[in-house]
Amino acid sequence: MKLSPDHVILGLLAAQAQYGYQLLECFSDPERLGRIWRVNVSQLYNTLKRLERDGLISGEGVPSESGPPRTVYHLTEAGRDQLMLWLHDPMPSASIRRVRVEFPSRLFVASLLRLPTETIIARQRAACQRERDRLAAERTQAPNGMAQLAIAFAIEQLEAALRSIDHCEQALLATSLDLSERRSSP
């Protein structure tokens, strides 16, 4: 299955209705999603058209002072349902590419929506651990040579992903503690 920014767009629209250009800015900004996704203008607008056709978002033309009307996009109830299924996926992929893109995207969207991230982290960790353990068992049966090397490489990637997941958890915990301390300060 191809990686697409569909669910991330749904998450951004769950936070607030936006124009396509505002969404593109979020995908371009390295402080937000710019280091995770590479989304160009045509990809974004094609995705918006598809999401609208599928009933997950709705677009509404609004007048613009400086040009033609703009379309502001809103999340529909069906879109919210899809978003929640994605955020709370009980079995996220352990594919390294998906872990690198989808996992931080889920954390970003959950944080944006002020949703807890603990379950997202725990499920991603469990998926990576299961795959690492499966590969470790497979490695014992693999013949020496390229099969062993390929499996060892995949195991090492999963172990790096698990360290990164731990780092994300610690960073989010420190951030939430810092925020709660600021809230409770006089």
C-alpha atoms as a PDB file:
ATOM      1  CA  MET A   1       0.000   0.000   0.000  1.00  0.00           C
ATOM      2  CA  LYS A   2       1.364   3.371  -1.053  1.00  0.00           C
ATOM      3  CA  LEU A   3       2.050   6.009   1.568  1.00  0.00           C
ATOM      4  CA  SER A   4      -0.217   8.997   1.171  1.00  0.00           C
ATOM      5  CA  PRO A   5      -0.837  12.084   3.283  1.00  0.00           C
ATOM      6  CA  ASP A   6      -4.611  11.437   3.380  1.00  0.00           C
ATOM      7  CA  HIS A   7      -4.944  10.831   7.107  1.00  0.00           C
ATOM      8  CA  VAL A   8      -2.567  13.637   7.987  1.00  0.00           C
ATOM      9  CA  ILE A   9      -4.695  16.034   5.919  1.00  0.00           C
ATOM     10  CA  LEU A  10      -7.774  14.761   7.744  1.00  0.00           C
ATOM     11  CA  GLY A  11      -5.993  15.456  11.023  1.00  0.00           C
ATOM     12  CA  LEU A  12      -5.011  18.968  10.003  1.00  0.00           C
ATOM     13  CA  LEU A  13      -8.600  19.673   8.983  1.00  0.00           C
ATOM     14  CA  ALA A  14      -9.876  18.196  12.254  1.00  0.00           C
ATOM     15  CA  ALA A  15      -7.840  20.867  14.023  1.00  0.00           C
ATOM     16  CA  GLN A  16      -9.284  23.629  11.825  1.00  0.00           C
ATOM     17  CA  ALA A  17     -10.778  24.242   8.402  1.00  0.00           C
ATOM     18  CA  GLN A  18      -8.046  25.353   5.997  1.00  0.00           C
ATOM     19  CA  TYR A  19      -7.237  26.372   2.444  1.00  0.00           C
ATOM     20  CA  GLY A  20      -5.034  24.123   0.369  1.00  0.00           C
ATOM     21  CA  TYR A  21      -2.196  26.621   0.600  1.00  0.00           C
ATOM     22  CA  GLN A  22      -2.333  26.535   4.413  1.00  0.00           C
ATOM     23  CA  LEU A  23      -2.117  22.745   4.329  1.00  0.00           C
ATOM     24  CA  LEU A  24       0.830  22.931   1.934  1.00  0.00           C
ATOM     25  CA  GLU A  25       2.625  25.306   4.307  1.00  0.00           C
ATOM     26  CA  CYS A  26       2.302  22.744   7.103  1.00  0.00           C
ATOM     27  CA  PHE A  27       3.808  20.037   4.875  1.00  0.00           C
ATOM     28  CA  SER A  28       6.635  22.406   3.886  1.00  0.00           C
ATOM     29  CA  ASP A  29       7.518  23.689   7.352  1.00  0.00           C
ATOM     30  CA  PRO A  30      10.377  21.643   8.880  1.00  0.00           C
ATOM     31  CA  GLU A  31       9.052  22.490  12.351  1.00  0.00           C
ATOM     32  CA  ARG A  32       5.784  20.733  11.519  1.00  0.00           C
ATOM     33  CA  LEU A  33       5.621  18.029   8.811  1.00  0.00           C
ATOM     34  CA  GLY A  34       8.323  19.216   6.399  1.00  0.00           C
ATOM     35  CA  ARG A  35      10.924  16.706   7.594  1.00  0.00           C
ATOM     36  CA  ILE A  36       8.455  13.827   7.382  1.00  0.00           C
ATOM     37  CA  TRP A  37       6.551  14.386   4.121  1.00  0.00           C
ATOM     38  CA  ARG A  38       7.385  15.675   0.657  1.00  0.00           C
ATOM     39  CA  VAL A  39       4.102  16.916  -0.770  1.00  0.00           C
ATOM     40  CA  ASN A  40       3.953  19.088  -3.866  1.00  0.00           C
ATOM     41  CA  VAL A  41       1.105  21.357  -4.959  1.00  0.00           C
ATOM     42  CA  SER A  42      -0.398  19.002  -7.532  1.00  0.00           C
ATOM     43  CA  GLN A  43      -0.234  16.016  -5.152  1.00  0.00           C
ATOM     44  CA  LEU A  44      -1.946  18.009  -2.414  1.00  0.00           C
ATOM     45  CA  TYR A  45      -4.763  19.265  -4.634  1.00  0.00           C
ATOM     46  CA  ASN A  46      -5.284  15.835  -6.209  1.00  0.00           C
ATOM     47  CA  THR A  47      -5.512  14.363  -2.718  1.00  0.00           C
ATOM     48  CA  LEU A  48      -7.978  17.058  -1.633  1.00  0.00           C
ATOM     49  CA  LYS A  49     -10.165  16.350  -4.690  1.00  0.00           C
ATOM     50  CA  ARG A  50     -10.122  12.616  -3.953  1.00  0.00           C
ATOM     51  CA  LEU A  51     -10.892  13.097  -0.250  1.00  0.00           C
ATOM     52  CA  GLU A  52     -13.780  15.377  -1.190  1.00  0.00           C
ATOM     53  CA  ARG A  53     -15.068  12.915  -3.796  1.00  0.00           C
ATOM     54  CA  ASP A  54     -14.913  10.157  -1.154  1.00  0.00           C
ATOM     55  CA  GLY A  55     -16.962  12.285   1.257  1.00  0.00           C
ATOM     56  CA  LEU A  56     -14.190  12.629   3.850  1.00  0.00           C
ATOM     57  CA  ILE A  57     -13.870  16.403   3.465  1.00  0.00           C
ATOM     58  CA  SER A  58     -15.996  19.134   1.964  1.00  0.00           C
ATOM     59  CA  GLY A  59     -14.810  22.236   0.187  1.00  0.00           C
ATOM     60  CA  GLU A  60     -16.573  25.564   0.333  1.00  0.00           C
ATOM     61  CA  GLY A  61     -15.773  28.505  -1.934  1.00  0.00           C
ATOM     62  CA  VAL A  62     -15.200  31.735  -0.038  1.00  0.00           C
ATOM     63  CA  PRO A  63     -14.580  35.163  -1.562  1.00  0.00           C
ATOM     64  CA  SER A  64     -11.046  36.477  -1.651  1.00  0.00           C
ATOM     65  CA  GLU A  65     -10.160  40.164  -1.473  1.00  0.00           C
ATOM     66  CA  SER A  66      -7.130  39.738  -3.698  1.00  0.00           C
ATOM     67  CA  GLY A  67      -8.300  37.298  -6.370  1.00  0.00           C
ATOM     68  CA  PRO A  68     -10.666  34.518  -7.283  1.00  0.00           C
ATOM     69  CA  PRO A  69     -12.627  32.688  -4.592  1.00  0.00           C
ATOM     70  CA  ARG A  70     -10.659  30.239  -2.475  1.00  0.00           C
ATOM     71  CA  THR A  71     -11.793  26.852  -1.291  1.00  0.00           C
ATOM     72  CA  VAL A  72     -11.722  26.225   2.419  1.00  0.00           C
ATOM     73  CA  TYR A  73     -11.833  22.547   3.355  1.00  0.00           C
ATOM     74  CA  HIS A  74     -13.721  21.070   6.307  1.00  0.00           C
ATOM     75  CA  LEU A  75     -13.623  17.576   7.776  1.00  0.00           C
ATOM     76  CA  THR A  76     -16.849  15.577   7.468  1.00  0.00           C
ATOM     77  CA  GLU A  77     -18.124  13.085  10.024  1.00  0.00           C
ATOM     78  CA  ALA A  78     -16.965  10.246   7.739  1.00  0.00           C
ATOM     79  CA  GLY A  79     -13.550  11.915   7.590  1.00  0.00           C
ATOM     80  CA  ARG A  80     -13.412  12.145  11.375  1.00  0.00           C
ATOM     81  CA  ASP A  81     -14.251   8.441  11.616  1.00  0.00           C
ATOM     82  CA  GLN A  82     -11.444   7.560   9.167  1.00  0.00           C
ATOM     83  CA  LEU A  83      -9.023   9.770  11.066  1.00  0.00           C
ATOM     84  CA  MET A  84      -9.831   8.113  14.393  1.00  0.00           C
ATOM     85  CA  LEU A  85      -9.418   4.637  12.877  1.00  0.00           C
ATOM     86  CA  TRP A  86      -5.976   5.642  11.601  1.00  0.00           C
ATOM     87  CA  LEU A  87      -4.896   7.289  14.846  1.00  0.00           C
ATOM     88  CA  HIS A  88      -6.006   4.299  16.902  1.00  0.00           C
ATOM     89  CA  ASP A  89      -4.890   1.544  14.525  1.00  0.00           C
ATOM     90  CA  PRO A  90      -4.387  -1.485  16.789  1.00  0.00           C
ATOM     91  CA  MET A  91      -1.822  -3.033  14.419  1.00  0.00           C
ATOM     92  CA  PRO A  92       0.342  -0.328  12.814  1.00  0.00           C
ATOM     93  CA  SER A  93       2.855  -1.442  10.223  1.00  0.00           C
ATOM     94  CA  ALA A  94       6.377  -2.329  11.293  1.00  0.00           C
ATOM     95  CA  SER A  95       7.727  -1.456   7.855  1.00  0.00           C
ATOM     96  CA  ILE A  96      10.649   0.890   8.482  1.00  0.00           C
ATOM     97  CA  ARG A  97       9.414   3.322   5.831  1.00  0.00           C
ATOM     98  CA  ARG A  98       5.962   3.425   7.405  1.00  0.00           C
ATOM     99  CA  VAL A  99       7.402   3.749  10.902  1.00  0.00           C
ATOM    100  CA  ARG A 100       9.538   6.681   9.718  1.00  0.00           C
ATOM    101  CA  VAL A 101       6.565   8.492   8.126  1.00  0.00           C
ATOM    102  CA  GLU A 102       3.317   7.316   9.711  1.00  0.00           C
ATOM    103  CA  PHE A 103       4.420   7.056  13.330  1.00  0.00           C
ATOM    104  CA  PRO A 104       5.620  10.678  13.700  1.00  0.00           C
ATOM    105  CA  SER A 105       2.616  11.782  11.624  1.00  0.00           C
ATOM    106  CA  ARG A 106       0.280  10.077  14.087  1.00  0.00           C
ATOM    107  CA  LEU A 107       2.099  11.695  16.990  1.00  0.00           C
ATOM    108  CA  PHE A 108       1.931  15.109  15.291  1.00  0.00           C
ATOM    109  CA  VAL A 109      -1.797  14.847  14.584  1.00  0.00           C
ATOM    110  CA  ALA A 110      -2.622  13.461  18.037  1.00  0.00           C
ATOM    111  CA  SER A 111      -0.645  16.259  19.686  1.00  0.00           C
ATOM    112  CA  LEU A 112      -2.284  18.848  17.427  1.00  0.00           C
ATOM    113  CA  LEU A 113      -5.700  17.539  18.472  1.00  0.00           C
ATOM    114  CA  ARG A 114      -4.593  17.296  22.117  1.00  0.00           C
ATOM    115  CA  LEU A 115      -5.180  13.556  22.163  1.00  0.00           C
ATOM    116  CA  PRO A 116      -3.095  11.191  24.284  1.00  0.00           C
ATOM    117  CA  THR A 117      -0.152   9.600  22.504  1.00  0.00           C
ATOM    118  CA  GLU A 118       0.639   6.771  24.922  1.00  0.00           C
ATOM    119  CA  THR A 119      -1.418   4.141  23.092  1.00  0.00           C
ATOM    120  CA  ILE A 120      -0.063   5.200  19.687  1.00  0.00           C
ATOM    121  CA  ILE A 121       3.474   4.774  21.024  1.00  0.00           C
ATOM    122  CA  ALA A 122       2.732   1.460  22.751  1.00  0.00           C
ATOM    123  CA  ARG A 123       1.120  -0.047  19.654  1.00  0.00           C
ATOM    124  CA  GLN A 124       3.953   1.043  17.362  1.00  0.00           C
ATOM    125  CA  ARG A 125       6.509  -0.338  19.788  1.00  0.00           C
ATOM    126  CA  ALA A 126       4.647  -3.657  20.000  1.00  0.00           C
ATOM    127  CA  ALA A 127       4.421  -3.918  16.192  1.00  0.00           C
ATOM    128  CA  CYS A 128       8.164  -3.340  15.816  1.00  0.00           C
ATOM    129  CA  GLN A 129       8.991  -5.769  18.623  1.00  0.00           C
ATOM    130  CA  ARG A 130       6.788  -8.487  17.078  1.00  0.00           C
ATOM    131  CA  GLU A 131       8.454  -8.051  13.692  1.00  0.00           C
ATOM    132  CA  ARG A 132      11.941  -8.030  15.224  1.00  0.00           C
ATOM    133  CA  ASP A 133      11.147 -11.227  17.148  1.00  0.00           C
ATOM    134  CA  ARG A 134       9.667 -12.865  14.031  1.00  0.00           C
ATOM    135  CA  LEU A 135      12.791 -12.026  12.044  1.00  0.00           C
ATOM    136  CA  ALA A 136      15.076 -13.234  14.836  1.00  0.00           C
ATOM    137  CA  ALA A 137      13.311 -16.608  14.764  1.00  0.00           C
ATOM    138  CA  GLU A 138      13.508 -16.691  10.965  1.00  0.00           C
ATOM    139  CA  ARG A 139      17.200 -15.848  11.114  1.00  0.00           C
ATOM    140  CA  THR A 140      17.956 -19.041  13.048  1.00  0.00           C
ATOM    141  CA  GLN A 141      16.497 -21.066  10.160  1.00  0.00           C
ATOM    142  CA  ALA A 142      18.037 -19.059   7.301  1.00  0.00           C
ATOM    143  CA  PRO A 143      21.059 -20.410   5.477  1.00  0.00           C
ATOM    144  CA  ASN A 144      24.321 -18.515   5.834  1.00  0.00           C
ATOM    145  CA  GLY A 145      24.981 -15.896   3.236  1.00  0.00           C
ATOM    146  CA  MET A 146      22.751 -13.211   1.807  1.00  0.00           C
ATOM    147  CA  ALA A 147      19.594 -14.363   3.628  1.00  0.00           C
ATOM    148  CA  GLN A 148      21.365 -14.036   6.984  1.00  0.00           C
ATOM    149  CA  LEU A 149      22.728 -10.608   6.047  1.00  0.00           C
ATOM    150  CA  ALA A 150      19.358  -9.306   4.863  1.00  0.00           C
ATOM    151  CA  ILE A 151      17.575 -10.509   7.986  1.00  0.00           C
ATOM    152  CA  ALA A 152      20.303  -9.086  10.238  1.00  0.00           C
ATOM    153  CA  PHE A 153      19.987  -5.727   8.471  1.00  0.00           C
ATOM    154  CA  ALA A 154      16.199  -5.685   8.932  1.00  0.00           C
ATOM    155  CA  ILE A 155      16.576  -6.587  12.626  1.00  0.00           C
ATOM    156  CA  GLU A 156      19.066  -3.762  13.136  1.00  0.00           C
ATOM    157  CA  GLN A 157      16.683  -1.302  11.454  1.00  0.00           C
ATOM    158  CA  LEU A 158      13.861  -2.397  13.752  1.00  0.00           C
ATOM    159  CA  GLU A 159      16.103  -2.052  16.799  1.00  0.00           C
ATOM    160  CA  ALA A 160      16.964   1.491  15.688  1.00  0.00           C
ATOM    161  CA  ALA A 161      13.250   2.194  15.218  1.00  0.00           C
ATOM    162  CA  LEU A 162      12.551   0.898  18.730  1.00  0.00           C
ATOM    163  CA  ARG A 163      15.227   3.226  20.145  1.00  0.00           C
ATOM    164  CA  SER A 164      13.623   6.115  18.257  1.00  0.00           C
ATOM    165  CA  ILE A 165      10.189   5.200  19.589  1.00  0.00           C
ATOM    166  CA  ASP A 166      11.621   5.233  23.120  1.00  0.00           C
ATOM    167  CA  HIS A 167      13.168   8.642  22.410  1.00  0.00           C
ATOM    168  CA  CYS A 168       9.826   9.985  21.127  1.00  0.00           C
ATOM    169  CA  GLU A 169       8.081   8.724  24.236  1.00  0.00           C
ATOM    170  CA  GLN A 170      10.635  10.367  26.531  1.00  0.00           C
ATOM    171  CA  ALA A 171      10.518  13.644  24.584  1.00  0.00           C
ATOM    172  CA  LEU A 172       6.713  13.763  24.633  1.00  0.00           C
ATOM    173  CA  LEU A 173       6.648  12.902  28.326  1.00  0.00           C
ATOM    174  CA  ALA A 174       9.160  15.669  29.099  1.00  0.00           C
ATOM    175  CA  THR A 175       7.144  18.131  26.997  1.00  0.00           C
ATOM    176  CA  SER A 176       3.863  17.227  28.673  1.00  0.00           C
ATOM    177  CA  LEU A 177       5.458  17.461  32.121  1.00  0.00           C
ATOM    178  CA  ASP A 178       6.912  20.842  31.205  1.00  0.00           C
ATOM    179  CA  LEU A 179       3.522  22.064  29.962  1.00  0.00           C
ATOM    180  CA  SER A 180       1.677  20.787  33.040  1.00  0.00           C
ATOM    181  CA  GLU A 181       4.247  22.452  35.334  1.00  0.00           C
ATOM    182  CA  ARG A 182       3.714  25.756  33.509  1.00  0.00           C
ATOM    183  CA  ARG A 183      -0.056  25.419  33.875  1.00  0.00           C
ATOM    184  CA  SER A 184       0.197  24.761  37.627  1.00  0.00           C
ATOM    185  CA  SER A 185       2.668  27.603  38.290  1.00  0.00           C
ATOM    186  CA  PRO A 186       1.157  30.701  39.934  1.00  0.00           C
END
